[in-house]
Amino acid sequence: MAKKNKKSKSLYQIKVTLVGSKPPIWRRLIVKDNIRLDQLHSVLQVAMGWSDYHLHQYRVGRSYIGIPDPDFDMDVTDERKIDYTAKSLS
């Protein structure tokens, strides 16, 4: 079971750009500093008009965080089971 987030004190403005798109495709998002990575994934899906059809991952330092998939041989930490927030990554 995921931990409850502590009360948010700040907001972050994040610009998300799809690399290599011409013309550039981007969104500017405002998120609470305590948003978890699994929640950020949901926000990105809505903001970009996507339907969660593809695997995704975040890279934090040398670690990969996302949804592990048994069909891929990658060491991915399950984003639903950790307490990374936007604030802890900044």
C-alpha atoms as a PDB file:
ATOM      1  CA  MET A   1       0.000   0.000   0.000  1.00  0.00           C
ATOM      2  CA  ALA A   2       1.331   3.435  -0.936  1.00  0.00           C
ATOM      3  CA  LYS A   3       2.190   5.917   1.773  1.00  0.00           C
ATOM      4  CA  LYS A   4       0.037   9.002   2.156  1.00  0.00           C
ATOM      5  CA  ASN A   5       1.712  12.160   0.941  1.00  0.00           C
ATOM      6  CA  LYS A   6       2.591  14.884   3.386  1.00  0.00           C
ATOM      7  CA  LYS A   7       0.757  18.158   2.948  1.00  0.00           C
ATOM      8  CA  SER A   8       1.975  20.088  -0.090  1.00  0.00           C
ATOM      9  CA  LYS A   9       3.589  23.468   0.496  1.00  0.00           C
ATOM     10  CA  SER A  10       4.770  24.404  -2.995  1.00  0.00           C
ATOM     11  CA  LEU A  11       3.907  24.098  -6.650  1.00  0.00           C
ATOM     12  CA  TYR A  12       6.283  23.261  -9.488  1.00  0.00           C
ATOM     13  CA  GLN A  13       5.957  24.396 -13.073  1.00  0.00           C
ATOM     14  CA  ILE A  14       7.171  21.668 -15.412  1.00  0.00           C
ATOM     15  CA  LYS A  15       7.643  21.954 -19.159  1.00  0.00           C
ATOM     16  CA  VAL A  16       7.297  18.590 -20.914  1.00  0.00           C
ATOM     17  CA  THR A  17       8.610  18.414 -24.489  1.00  0.00           C
ATOM     18  CA  LEU A  18       8.556  15.439 -26.853  1.00  0.00           C
ATOM     19  CA  VAL A  19      12.104  15.053 -28.102  1.00  0.00           C
ATOM     20  CA  GLY A  20      12.442  15.157 -31.890  1.00  0.00           C
ATOM     21  CA  SER A  21       8.920  16.368 -32.674  1.00  0.00           C
ATOM     22  CA  LYS A  22       8.596  18.895 -35.468  1.00  0.00           C
ATOM     23  CA  PRO A  23       6.902  21.215 -34.808  1.00  0.00           C
ATOM     24  CA  PRO A  24       7.711  20.981 -31.098  1.00  0.00           C
ATOM     25  CA  ILE A  25       5.016  19.324 -28.998  1.00  0.00           C
ATOM     26  CA  TRP A  26       5.048  20.482 -25.399  1.00  0.00           C
ATOM     27  CA  ARG A  27       2.890  21.132 -22.354  1.00  0.00           C
ATOM     28  CA  ARG A  28       3.457  23.304 -19.320  1.00  0.00           C
ATOM     29  CA  LEU A  29       2.139  21.672 -16.141  1.00  0.00           C
ATOM     30  CA  ILE A  30       1.669  22.982 -12.625  1.00  0.00           C
ATOM     31  CA  VAL A  31       1.948  20.200 -10.029  1.00  0.00           C
ATOM     32  CA  LYS A  32       2.177  20.021  -6.254  1.00  0.00           C
ATOM     33  CA  ASP A  33       5.627  19.365  -4.821  1.00  0.00           C
ATOM     34  CA  ASN A  34       4.406  16.133  -3.242  1.00  0.00           C
ATOM     35  CA  ILE A  35       3.087  14.500  -6.428  1.00  0.00           C
ATOM     36  CA  ARG A  36       4.359  10.914  -6.674  1.00  0.00           C
ATOM     37  CA  LEU A  37       5.836   9.633  -9.946  1.00  0.00           C
ATOM     38  CA  ASP A  38       2.888   7.290 -10.546  1.00  0.00           C
ATOM     39  CA  GLN A  39       0.556  10.289 -10.146  1.00  0.00           C
ATOM     40  CA  LEU A  40       2.725  12.405 -12.447  1.00  0.00           C
ATOM     41  CA  HIS A  41       2.407   9.666 -15.061  1.00  0.00           C
ATOM     42  CA  SER A  42      -1.394   9.991 -14.886  1.00  0.00           C
ATOM     43  CA  VAL A  43      -1.177  13.790 -15.215  1.00  0.00           C
ATOM     44  CA  LEU A  44       1.078  13.442 -18.271  1.00  0.00           C
ATOM     45  CA  GLN A  45      -1.369  11.016 -19.900  1.00  0.00           C
ATOM     46  CA  VAL A  46      -4.214  13.532 -19.565  1.00  0.00           C
ATOM     47  CA  ALA A  47      -2.139  16.585 -20.538  1.00  0.00           C
ATOM     48  CA  MET A  48      -0.807  14.936 -23.699  1.00  0.00           C
ATOM     49  CA  GLY A  49      -4.133  13.315 -24.657  1.00  0.00           C
ATOM     50  CA  TRP A  50      -2.666   9.829 -24.343  1.00  0.00           C
ATOM     51  CA  SER A  51      -4.384   6.609 -23.247  1.00  0.00           C
ATOM     52  CA  ASP A  52      -1.549   4.795 -21.423  1.00  0.00           C
ATOM     53  CA  TYR A  53      -0.846   2.348 -24.272  1.00  0.00           C
ATOM     54  CA  HIS A  54       2.941   2.249 -23.903  1.00  0.00           C
ATOM     55  CA  LEU A  55       5.466   1.486 -21.208  1.00  0.00           C
ATOM     56  CA  HIS A  56       7.154   4.444 -19.593  1.00  0.00           C
ATOM     57  CA  GLN A  57       9.993   5.070 -17.200  1.00  0.00           C
ATOM     58  CA  TYR A  58      11.717   7.873 -15.366  1.00  0.00           C
ATOM     59  CA  ARG A  59      15.488   8.015 -15.058  1.00  0.00           C
ATOM     60  CA  VAL A  60      16.758   9.224 -11.701  1.00  0.00           C
ATOM     61  CA  GLY A  61      20.537   9.272 -11.663  1.00  0.00           C
ATOM     62  CA  ARG A  62      21.469   5.771 -12.851  1.00  0.00           C
ATOM     63  CA  SER A  63      18.194   4.209 -11.704  1.00  0.00           C
ATOM     64  CA  TYR A  64      15.080   3.552 -13.754  1.00  0.00           C
ATOM     65  CA  ILE A  65      11.642   3.908 -12.198  1.00  0.00           C
ATOM     66  CA  GLY A  66       8.408   2.810 -13.859  1.00  0.00           C
ATOM     67  CA  ILE A  67       6.171  -0.222 -14.127  1.00  0.00           C
ATOM     68  CA  PRO A  68       8.242  -3.435 -14.327  1.00  0.00           C
ATOM     69  CA  ASP A  69       7.330  -5.673 -17.262  1.00  0.00           C
ATOM     70  CA  PRO A  70       8.285  -9.356 -17.296  1.00  0.00           C
ATOM     71  CA  ASP A  71       8.701  -9.220 -21.103  1.00  0.00           C
ATOM     72  CA  PHE A  72      11.622  -6.791 -20.796  1.00  0.00           C
ATOM     73  CA  ASP A  73      14.918  -7.597 -19.113  1.00  0.00           C
ATOM     74  CA  MET A  74      15.464  -4.240 -17.393  1.00  0.00           C
ATOM     75  CA  ASP A  75      16.037  -3.408 -13.754  1.00  0.00           C
ATOM     76  CA  VAL A  76      13.112  -1.052 -13.128  1.00  0.00           C
ATOM     77  CA  THR A  77      11.987   0.022  -9.656  1.00  0.00           C
ATOM     78  CA  ASP A  78       8.190  -0.092  -9.337  1.00  0.00           C
ATOM     79  CA  GLU A  79       6.964   3.516  -9.186  1.00  0.00           C
ATOM     80  CA  ARG A  80       3.836   2.438  -7.295  1.00  0.00           C
ATOM     81  CA  LYS A  81       5.902   1.131  -4.381  1.00  0.00           C
ATOM     82  CA  ILE A  82       8.309   3.997  -3.725  1.00  0.00           C
ATOM     83  CA  ASP A  83       7.824   7.427  -2.279  1.00  0.00           C
ATOM     84  CA  TYR A  84       9.634   9.626  -4.803  1.00  0.00           C
ATOM     85  CA  THR A  85       7.992  13.013  -5.157  1.00  0.00           C
ATOM     86  CA  ALA A  86       8.746  15.990  -7.350  1.00  0.00           C
ATOM     87  CA  LYS A  87      10.272  17.727  -4.334  1.00  0.00           C
ATOM     88  CA  SER A  88      12.610  14.834  -3.530  1.00  0.00           C
ATOM     89  CA  LEU A  89      13.920  14.872  -7.116  1.00  0.00           C
ATOM     90  CA  SER A  90      14.586  18.606  -7.364  1.00  0.00           C
END
